[in-house]
Amino acid sequence: MSLELFLLLAAALFCIGLFGALTQQSIVMLMMGLELMLGGVIVGAAAVWHYIAPAAADGQVLVVLAVTAMAVEMAIGFAVVTALFRAREVDMTDMAAELKE
């Protein structure tokens, strides 16, 4: 596969994630959109890194670290959302904005 196809996949993932993050009101769906956006960035970065230096393993290590950080971020985010829902029955971004008051 060529670099252009990987970058097209990365752009599609990013755009779908951006659409999901901007249009959804559910906190979980918002987090899924952000996760898709990060996945698109990682796919694009890994494709460019492989295109520039195919023999170096630095890009693969960076991708593994980024995916691990994404998994930790999502686990913490879901824990916060679960705690908010259990404490105050909040599951939409509009309701979460009212918690500041």
C-alpha atoms as a PDB file:
ATOM      1  CA  MET A   1       0.000   0.000   0.000  1.00  0.00           C
ATOM      2  CA  SER A   2       1.161   3.500  -0.703  1.00  0.00           C
ATOM      3  CA  LEU A   3       1.618   6.417   1.638  1.00  0.00           C
ATOM      4  CA  GLU A   4      -1.327   8.243   0.069  1.00  0.00           C
ATOM      5  CA  LEU A   5      -3.763   5.482   1.030  1.00  0.00           C
ATOM      6  CA  PHE A   6      -2.588   5.486   4.643  1.00  0.00           C
ATOM      7  CA  LEU A   7      -2.866   9.272   4.800  1.00  0.00           C
ATOM      8  CA  LEU A   8      -6.337   9.067   3.271  1.00  0.00           C
ATOM      9  CA  LEU A   9      -7.312   6.563   5.963  1.00  0.00           C
ATOM     10  CA  ALA A  10      -5.842   8.835   8.645  1.00  0.00           C
ATOM     11  CA  ALA A  11      -7.732  11.850   7.272  1.00  0.00           C
ATOM     12  CA  ALA A  12     -10.986   9.862   7.126  1.00  0.00           C
ATOM     13  CA  LEU A  13     -10.596   8.699  10.721  1.00  0.00           C
ATOM     14  CA  PHE A  14      -9.810  12.219  11.873  1.00  0.00           C
ATOM     15  CA  CYS A  15     -12.790  13.720  10.013  1.00  0.00           C
ATOM     16  CA  ILE A  16     -15.220  11.095  11.316  1.00  0.00           C
ATOM     17  CA  GLY A  17     -13.927  11.667  14.835  1.00  0.00           C
ATOM     18  CA  LEU A  18     -14.201  15.439  14.468  1.00  0.00           C
ATOM     19  CA  PHE A  19     -17.774  15.126  13.248  1.00  0.00           C
ATOM     20  CA  GLY A  20     -18.590  12.833  16.161  1.00  0.00           C
ATOM     21  CA  ALA A  21     -16.943  15.103  18.712  1.00  0.00           C
ATOM     22  CA  LEU A  22     -18.720  18.215  17.446  1.00  0.00           C
ATOM     23  CA  THR A  23     -22.211  16.781  16.970  1.00  0.00           C
ATOM     24  CA  GLN A  24     -22.737  14.434  19.913  1.00  0.00           C
ATOM     25  CA  GLN A  25     -24.035  15.494  23.294  1.00  0.00           C
ATOM     26  CA  SER A  26     -23.381  12.225  25.082  1.00  0.00           C
ATOM     27  CA  ILE A  27     -20.112  12.316  26.993  1.00  0.00           C
ATOM     28  CA  VAL A  28     -19.253   8.761  25.964  1.00  0.00           C
ATOM     29  CA  MET A  29     -19.848   9.519  22.269  1.00  0.00           C
ATOM     30  CA  LEU A  30     -17.753  12.680  22.590  1.00  0.00           C
ATOM     31  CA  MET A  31     -14.908  10.620  24.027  1.00  0.00           C
ATOM     32  CA  MET A  32     -15.256   8.104  21.186  1.00  0.00           C
ATOM     33  CA  GLY A  33     -14.973  10.929  18.658  1.00  0.00           C
ATOM     34  CA  LEU A  34     -11.821  12.197  20.333  1.00  0.00           C
ATOM     35  CA  GLU A  35     -10.426   8.671  20.325  1.00  0.00           C
ATOM     36  CA  LEU A  36     -11.046   8.386  16.572  1.00  0.00           C
ATOM     37  CA  MET A  37      -9.295  11.696  16.020  1.00  0.00           C
ATOM     38  CA  LEU A  38      -6.250  10.524  17.982  1.00  0.00           C
ATOM     39  CA  GLY A  39      -6.288   7.240  16.076  1.00  0.00           C
ATOM     40  CA  GLY A  40      -6.215   9.124  12.787  1.00  0.00           C
ATOM     41  CA  VAL A  41      -3.260  11.199  13.922  1.00  0.00           C
ATOM     42  CA  ILE A  42      -1.397   8.072  15.024  1.00  0.00           C
ATOM     43  CA  VAL A  43      -2.082   6.264  11.728  1.00  0.00           C
ATOM     44  CA  GLY A  44      -0.850   9.295   9.779  1.00  0.00           C
ATOM     45  CA  ALA A  45       2.253   9.704  11.894  1.00  0.00           C
ATOM     46  CA  ALA A  46       3.111   6.013  11.691  1.00  0.00           C
ATOM     47  CA  ALA A  47       2.656   6.000   7.907  1.00  0.00           C
ATOM     48  CA  VAL A  48       4.890   9.033   7.430  1.00  0.00           C
ATOM     49  CA  TRP A  49       7.483   7.621   9.812  1.00  0.00           C
ATOM     50  CA  HIS A  50       7.512   4.312   7.930  1.00  0.00           C
ATOM     51  CA  TYR A  51       7.830   6.179   4.636  1.00  0.00           C
ATOM     52  CA  ILE A  52      10.750   8.293   5.882  1.00  0.00           C
ATOM     53  CA  ALA A  53      12.705   5.612   7.784  1.00  0.00           C
ATOM     54  CA  PRO A  54      11.349   2.099   7.111  1.00  0.00           C
ATOM     55  CA  ALA A  55      14.226   0.300   8.848  1.00  0.00           C
ATOM     56  CA  ALA A  56      14.062   2.258  12.114  1.00  0.00           C
ATOM     57  CA  ALA A  57      11.931   0.872  14.932  1.00  0.00           C
ATOM     58  CA  ASP A  58      11.550   4.276  16.618  1.00  0.00           C
ATOM     59  CA  GLY A  59       8.199   4.929  14.945  1.00  0.00           C
ATOM     60  CA  GLN A  60       6.775   1.608  16.055  1.00  0.00           C
ATOM     61  CA  VAL A  61       7.793   2.253  19.641  1.00  0.00           C
ATOM     62  CA  LEU A  62       6.211   5.698  19.517  1.00  0.00           C
ATOM     63  CA  VAL A  63       2.966   4.247  18.139  1.00  0.00           C
ATOM     64  CA  VAL A  64       2.831   1.608  20.882  1.00  0.00           C
ATOM     65  CA  LEU A  65       3.384   4.276  23.537  1.00  0.00           C
ATOM     66  CA  ALA A  66       0.713   6.525  22.002  1.00  0.00           C
ATOM     67  CA  VAL A  67      -1.837   3.702  21.859  1.00  0.00           C
ATOM     68  CA  THR A  68      -1.051   2.804  25.475  1.00  0.00           C
ATOM     69  CA  ALA A  69      -1.529   6.432  26.514  1.00  0.00           C
ATOM     70  CA  MET A  70      -4.844   6.513  24.623  1.00  0.00           C
ATOM     71  CA  ALA A  71      -6.028   3.390  26.452  1.00  0.00           C
ATOM     72  CA  VAL A  72      -5.121   4.877  29.840  1.00  0.00           C
ATOM     73  CA  GLU A  73      -6.800   8.160  28.914  1.00  0.00           C
ATOM     74  CA  MET A  74     -10.011   6.396  27.917  1.00  0.00           C
ATOM     75  CA  ALA A  75     -10.035   4.256  31.064  1.00  0.00           C
ATOM     76  CA  ILE A  76      -9.691   7.344  33.250  1.00  0.00           C
ATOM     77  CA  GLY A  77     -12.302   9.197  31.201  1.00  0.00           C
ATOM     78  CA  PHE A  78     -14.800   6.366  31.498  1.00  0.00           C
ATOM     79  CA  ALA A  79     -14.136   6.172  35.239  1.00  0.00           C
ATOM     80  CA  VAL A  80     -14.898   9.891  35.585  1.00  0.00           C
ATOM     81  CA  VAL A  81     -18.058   9.581  33.483  1.00  0.00           C
ATOM     82  CA  THR A  82     -19.198   6.571  35.508  1.00  0.00           C
ATOM     83  CA  ALA A  83     -18.600   8.459  38.769  1.00  0.00           C
ATOM     84  CA  LEU A  84     -20.533  11.480  37.451  1.00  0.00           C
ATOM     85  CA  PHE A  85     -23.419   9.294  36.364  1.00  0.00           C
ATOM     86  CA  ARG A  86     -23.579   7.434  39.664  1.00  0.00           C
ATOM     87  CA  ALA A  87     -23.351  10.591  41.763  1.00  0.00           C
ATOM     88  CA  ARG A  88     -25.638  12.951  39.836  1.00  0.00           C
ATOM     89  CA  GLU A  89     -27.222  11.037  36.925  1.00  0.00           C
ATOM     90  CA  VAL A  90     -25.229  13.175  34.451  1.00  0.00           C
ATOM     91  CA  ASP A  91     -24.618  11.656  31.020  1.00  0.00           C
ATOM     92  CA  MET A  92     -24.900  14.610  28.620  1.00  0.00           C
ATOM     93  CA  THR A  93     -22.459  17.477  28.116  1.00  0.00           C
ATOM     94  CA  ASP A  94     -25.156  20.080  28.773  1.00  0.00           C
ATOM     95  CA  MET A  95     -25.868  18.594  32.185  1.00  0.00           C
ATOM     96  CA  ALA A  96     -22.154  18.340  32.989  1.00  0.00           C
ATOM     97  CA  ALA A  97     -21.713  22.053  32.233  1.00  0.00           C
ATOM     98  CA  GLU A  98     -24.257  22.855  34.947  1.00  0.00           C
ATOM     99  CA  LEU A  99     -22.071  21.175  37.594  1.00  0.00           C
ATOM    100  CA  LYS A 100     -19.835  24.262  37.747  1.00  0.00           C
ATOM    101  CA  GLU A 101     -22.607  26.342  39.286  1.00  0.00           C
END
